[in-house]
N, C-alpha and C. Protein backbone atom coordinates (compact mmCIF):
# COMPACT_ATOMS: atom_id res chain seq x y z
N MET A 1 118.74 80.51 96.52
CA MET A 1 117.91 81.59 96.03
C MET A 1 117.21 82.30 97.17
N CYS A 2 116.93 81.56 98.23
CA CYS A 2 116.25 82.16 99.37
C CYS A 2 117.08 83.31 99.92
N LEU A 3 118.38 83.07 100.13
CA LEU A 3 119.24 84.13 100.67
C LEU A 3 119.40 85.27 99.69
N ASP A 4 119.54 84.95 98.39
CA ASP A 4 119.68 86.02 97.40
C ASP A 4 118.44 86.90 97.38
N GLY A 5 117.27 86.28 97.41
CA GLY A 5 116.02 87.05 97.43
C GLY A 5 115.91 87.90 98.67
N ALA A 6 116.29 87.34 99.81
CA ALA A 6 116.23 88.09 101.07
C ALA A 6 117.21 89.25 101.06
N HIS A 7 118.45 89.00 100.64
CA HIS A 7 119.46 90.06 100.62
C HIS A 7 119.03 91.23 99.72
N LEU A 8 118.59 90.89 98.53
CA LEU A 8 118.23 91.95 97.60
C LEU A 8 116.96 92.68 98.02
N ARG A 9 116.02 92.00 98.66
CA ARG A 9 114.81 92.66 99.17
C ARG A 9 115.17 93.61 100.32
N VAL A 10 116.10 93.20 101.19
CA VAL A 10 116.54 94.07 102.27
C VAL A 10 117.20 95.33 101.70
N LEU A 11 118.02 95.18 100.68
CA LEU A 11 118.64 96.36 100.06
C LEU A 11 117.58 97.27 99.45
N GLU A 12 116.59 96.68 98.81
CA GLU A 12 115.49 97.47 98.23
C GLU A 12 114.74 98.23 99.32
N MET A 13 114.47 97.57 100.44
CA MET A 13 113.77 98.25 101.54
C MET A 13 114.64 99.35 102.14
N PHE A 14 115.94 99.10 102.28
CA PHE A 14 116.84 100.09 102.86
C PHE A 14 116.91 101.35 102.01
N PHE A 15 117.07 101.18 100.69
CA PHE A 15 117.19 102.32 99.79
C PHE A 15 115.84 102.90 99.37
N GLY A 16 114.76 102.16 99.62
CA GLY A 16 113.43 102.65 99.29
C GLY A 16 113.08 102.58 97.82
N THR A 17 113.85 101.83 97.05
CA THR A 17 113.59 101.69 95.63
C THR A 17 114.27 100.44 95.09
N ASP A 18 113.70 99.88 94.05
CA ASP A 18 114.33 98.75 93.37
C ASP A 18 115.34 99.28 92.36
N THR A 19 115.13 100.50 91.88
CA THR A 19 115.99 101.08 90.86
C THR A 19 117.25 101.64 91.51
N MET A 20 118.35 100.95 91.28
CA MET A 20 119.62 101.35 91.85
C MET A 20 120.71 100.79 90.96
N HIS A 21 121.56 101.67 90.41
CA HIS A 21 122.66 101.17 89.57
C HIS A 21 123.81 100.74 90.48
N PHE A 22 124.31 99.53 90.23
CA PHE A 22 125.46 99.05 90.98
C PHE A 22 126.23 98.03 90.16
N ASP A 23 127.49 97.85 90.52
CA ASP A 23 128.36 96.88 89.87
C ASP A 23 128.75 95.82 90.88
N VAL A 24 128.93 94.61 90.39
CA VAL A 24 129.37 93.50 91.22
C VAL A 24 130.59 92.89 90.57
N THR A 25 131.61 92.64 91.37
CA THR A 25 132.80 91.98 90.85
C THR A 25 132.84 90.55 91.40
N SER A 26 133.47 89.68 90.65
CA SER A 26 133.53 88.27 91.02
C SER A 26 134.97 87.84 91.20
N SER A 27 135.21 87.02 92.21
CA SER A 27 136.56 86.46 92.38
C SER A 27 136.85 85.43 91.29
N GLN A 28 135.81 84.87 90.69
CA GLN A 28 135.99 83.90 89.62
C GLN A 28 136.37 84.55 88.29
N PHE A 29 135.91 85.79 88.09
CA PHE A 29 136.16 86.50 86.83
C PHE A 29 136.67 87.91 87.13
N PRO A 30 137.88 88.04 87.67
CA PRO A 30 138.39 89.37 88.03
C PRO A 30 138.50 90.27 86.80
N GLY A 31 138.19 91.53 87.00
CA GLY A 31 138.27 92.49 85.91
C GLY A 31 137.06 92.47 84.98
N GLN A 32 136.04 91.68 85.32
CA GLN A 32 134.84 91.61 84.50
C GLN A 32 133.61 91.90 85.36
N PRO A 33 133.44 93.16 85.76
CA PRO A 33 132.29 93.46 86.62
C PRO A 33 130.97 93.32 85.88
N ARG A 34 129.95 92.97 86.63
CA ARG A 34 128.58 92.92 86.09
C ARG A 34 127.88 94.17 86.57
N SER A 35 127.16 94.84 85.71
CA SER A 35 126.43 96.06 86.05
C SER A 35 124.93 95.79 86.02
N PHE A 36 124.25 96.37 87.00
CA PHE A 36 122.80 96.21 87.09
C PHE A 36 122.17 97.57 87.35
N ASP A 37 120.94 97.72 86.87
CA ASP A 37 120.18 98.96 87.09
C ASP A 37 119.11 98.79 88.15
N SER A 38 118.96 97.57 88.68
CA SER A 38 117.98 97.33 89.74
C SER A 38 118.35 96.07 90.49
N PHE A 39 117.85 95.97 91.72
CA PHE A 39 118.07 94.76 92.51
C PHE A 39 117.35 93.58 91.88
N SER A 40 116.16 93.82 91.33
CA SER A 40 115.41 92.73 90.71
C SER A 40 116.13 92.20 89.46
N ALA A 41 116.84 93.06 88.73
CA ALA A 41 117.59 92.60 87.56
C ALA A 41 118.72 91.67 87.99
N ALA A 42 119.36 91.98 89.11
CA ALA A 42 120.42 91.10 89.63
C ALA A 42 119.84 89.75 90.03
N LEU A 43 118.68 89.78 90.68
CA LEU A 43 118.05 88.53 91.10
C LEU A 43 117.65 87.68 89.90
N GLU A 44 117.17 88.32 88.84
CA GLU A 44 116.83 87.58 87.62
C GLU A 44 118.06 86.92 87.02
N GLU A 45 119.18 87.64 87.02
CA GLU A 45 120.41 87.07 86.45
C GLU A 45 120.93 85.91 87.30
N ILE A 46 120.82 86.04 88.61
CA ILE A 46 121.24 84.94 89.49
C ILE A 46 120.41 83.70 89.19
N THR A 47 119.11 83.88 89.03
CA THR A 47 118.23 82.76 88.71
C THR A 47 118.62 82.13 87.38
N ASP A 48 118.77 82.97 86.36
CA ASP A 48 119.14 82.45 85.04
C ASP A 48 120.47 81.69 85.09
N ALA A 49 121.44 82.24 85.80
CA ALA A 49 122.76 81.60 85.86
C ALA A 49 122.68 80.22 86.50
N ARG A 50 121.87 80.08 87.53
CA ARG A 50 121.75 78.78 88.19
C ARG A 50 121.02 77.76 87.31
N VAL A 51 120.04 78.24 86.57
CA VAL A 51 119.32 77.35 85.66
C VAL A 51 120.24 76.94 84.51
N TRP A 52 120.93 77.92 83.91
CA TRP A 52 121.82 77.62 82.78
C TRP A 52 122.97 76.71 83.18
N ALA A 53 123.43 76.84 84.43
CA ALA A 53 124.53 75.99 84.90
C ALA A 53 124.06 74.58 85.25
N GLY A 54 122.75 74.39 85.25
CA GLY A 54 122.20 73.08 85.56
C GLY A 54 122.14 72.77 87.04
N LEU A 55 122.26 73.81 87.87
CA LEU A 55 122.23 73.60 89.32
C LEU A 55 120.82 73.42 89.87
N HIS A 56 119.84 74.08 89.24
CA HIS A 56 118.47 74.08 89.74
C HIS A 56 117.50 74.09 88.58
N PHE A 57 116.27 73.74 88.89
CA PHE A 57 115.17 73.98 87.96
C PHE A 57 114.63 75.37 88.25
N ARG A 58 114.12 76.04 87.23
CA ARG A 58 113.64 77.41 87.40
C ARG A 58 112.55 77.51 88.48
N THR A 59 111.67 76.53 88.53
CA THR A 59 110.60 76.56 89.54
C THR A 59 111.17 76.64 90.95
N ALA A 60 112.19 75.87 91.22
CA ALA A 60 112.80 75.89 92.56
C ALA A 60 113.43 77.25 92.85
N ASP A 61 114.08 77.84 91.87
CA ASP A 61 114.69 79.15 92.07
C ASP A 61 113.65 80.23 92.30
N VAL A 62 112.57 80.20 91.55
CA VAL A 62 111.50 81.20 91.72
C VAL A 62 110.86 81.04 93.10
N GLN A 63 110.62 79.80 93.51
CA GLN A 63 110.06 79.59 94.84
C GLN A 63 111.02 80.07 95.92
N GLY A 64 112.32 79.84 95.73
CA GLY A 64 113.32 80.32 96.67
C GLY A 64 113.35 81.83 96.75
N GLN A 65 113.21 82.50 95.60
CA GLN A 65 113.14 83.97 95.59
C GLN A 65 111.99 84.46 96.45
N HIS A 66 110.82 83.89 96.22
CA HIS A 66 109.62 84.31 96.96
C HIS A 66 109.78 84.05 98.46
N LEU A 67 110.36 82.91 98.80
CA LEU A 67 110.58 82.60 100.20
C LEU A 67 111.52 83.61 100.84
N GLY A 68 112.62 83.93 100.16
CA GLY A 68 113.57 84.90 100.68
C GLY A 68 112.97 86.28 100.85
N ILE A 69 112.19 86.71 99.88
CA ILE A 69 111.52 88.02 99.96
C ILE A 69 110.54 88.03 101.13
N ASN A 70 109.79 86.94 101.29
CA ASN A 70 108.84 86.86 102.41
C ASN A 70 109.56 86.89 103.76
N VAL A 71 110.68 86.21 103.86
CA VAL A 71 111.45 86.21 105.11
C VAL A 71 111.95 87.62 105.41
N ALA A 72 112.47 88.31 104.41
CA ALA A 72 112.96 89.68 104.61
C ALA A 72 111.84 90.60 105.07
N GLU A 73 110.67 90.50 104.44
CA GLU A 73 109.55 91.36 104.80
C GLU A 73 109.00 91.02 106.19
N TYR A 74 108.92 89.74 106.52
CA TYR A 74 108.45 89.33 107.85
C TYR A 74 109.40 89.84 108.92
N THR A 75 110.69 89.69 108.67
CA THR A 75 111.69 90.15 109.63
C THR A 75 111.60 91.66 109.83
N ALA A 76 111.47 92.39 108.75
CA ALA A 76 111.36 93.85 108.85
C ALA A 76 110.11 94.25 109.62
N ASP A 77 109.01 93.56 109.40
CA ASP A 77 107.75 93.89 110.07
C ASP A 77 107.73 93.51 111.54
N HIS A 78 108.42 92.42 111.91
CA HIS A 78 108.28 91.88 113.26
C HIS A 78 109.49 92.08 114.16
N TYR A 79 110.66 92.27 113.60
CA TYR A 79 111.85 92.35 114.45
C TYR A 79 112.54 93.69 114.40
N PHE A 80 112.53 94.38 113.30
CA PHE A 80 113.19 95.67 113.19
C PHE A 80 112.20 96.75 113.62
N GLN A 81 112.29 97.11 114.87
CA GLN A 81 111.37 98.11 115.43
C GLN A 81 112.15 99.38 115.73
N PRO A 82 111.47 100.53 115.68
CA PRO A 82 112.16 101.78 116.01
C PRO A 82 112.63 101.77 117.46
N VAL A 83 113.74 102.43 117.70
CA VAL A 83 114.24 102.57 119.06
C VAL A 83 114.27 104.04 119.43
N GLY A 84 114.26 104.31 120.71
CA GLY A 84 114.28 105.70 121.17
C GLY A 84 112.90 106.17 121.51
N ARG A 85 112.83 107.42 121.82
CA ARG A 85 111.55 108.02 122.21
C ARG A 85 110.81 108.49 120.98
N GLY A 86 109.56 108.19 120.93
CA GLY A 86 108.79 108.54 119.75
C GLY A 86 107.84 109.61 120.04
């Protein structure tokens, strides 16, 4: 969940919005794309899928989401600096 939270937070920061329609295809279920209207909706579905599959407890997934989001924000604030003449 940490990586999922970080990836989706980076996409949100890049596009400047959480609201973004996109489709995801799976190698496990070809021809059955999943559609989302926001990055946070995708993250919620990832969490639900892991809980329903019995892989994790919801608390662990939620904590992983927060950790991933914090890592993405820390990295953006401390490592991604403008380059060139300002």
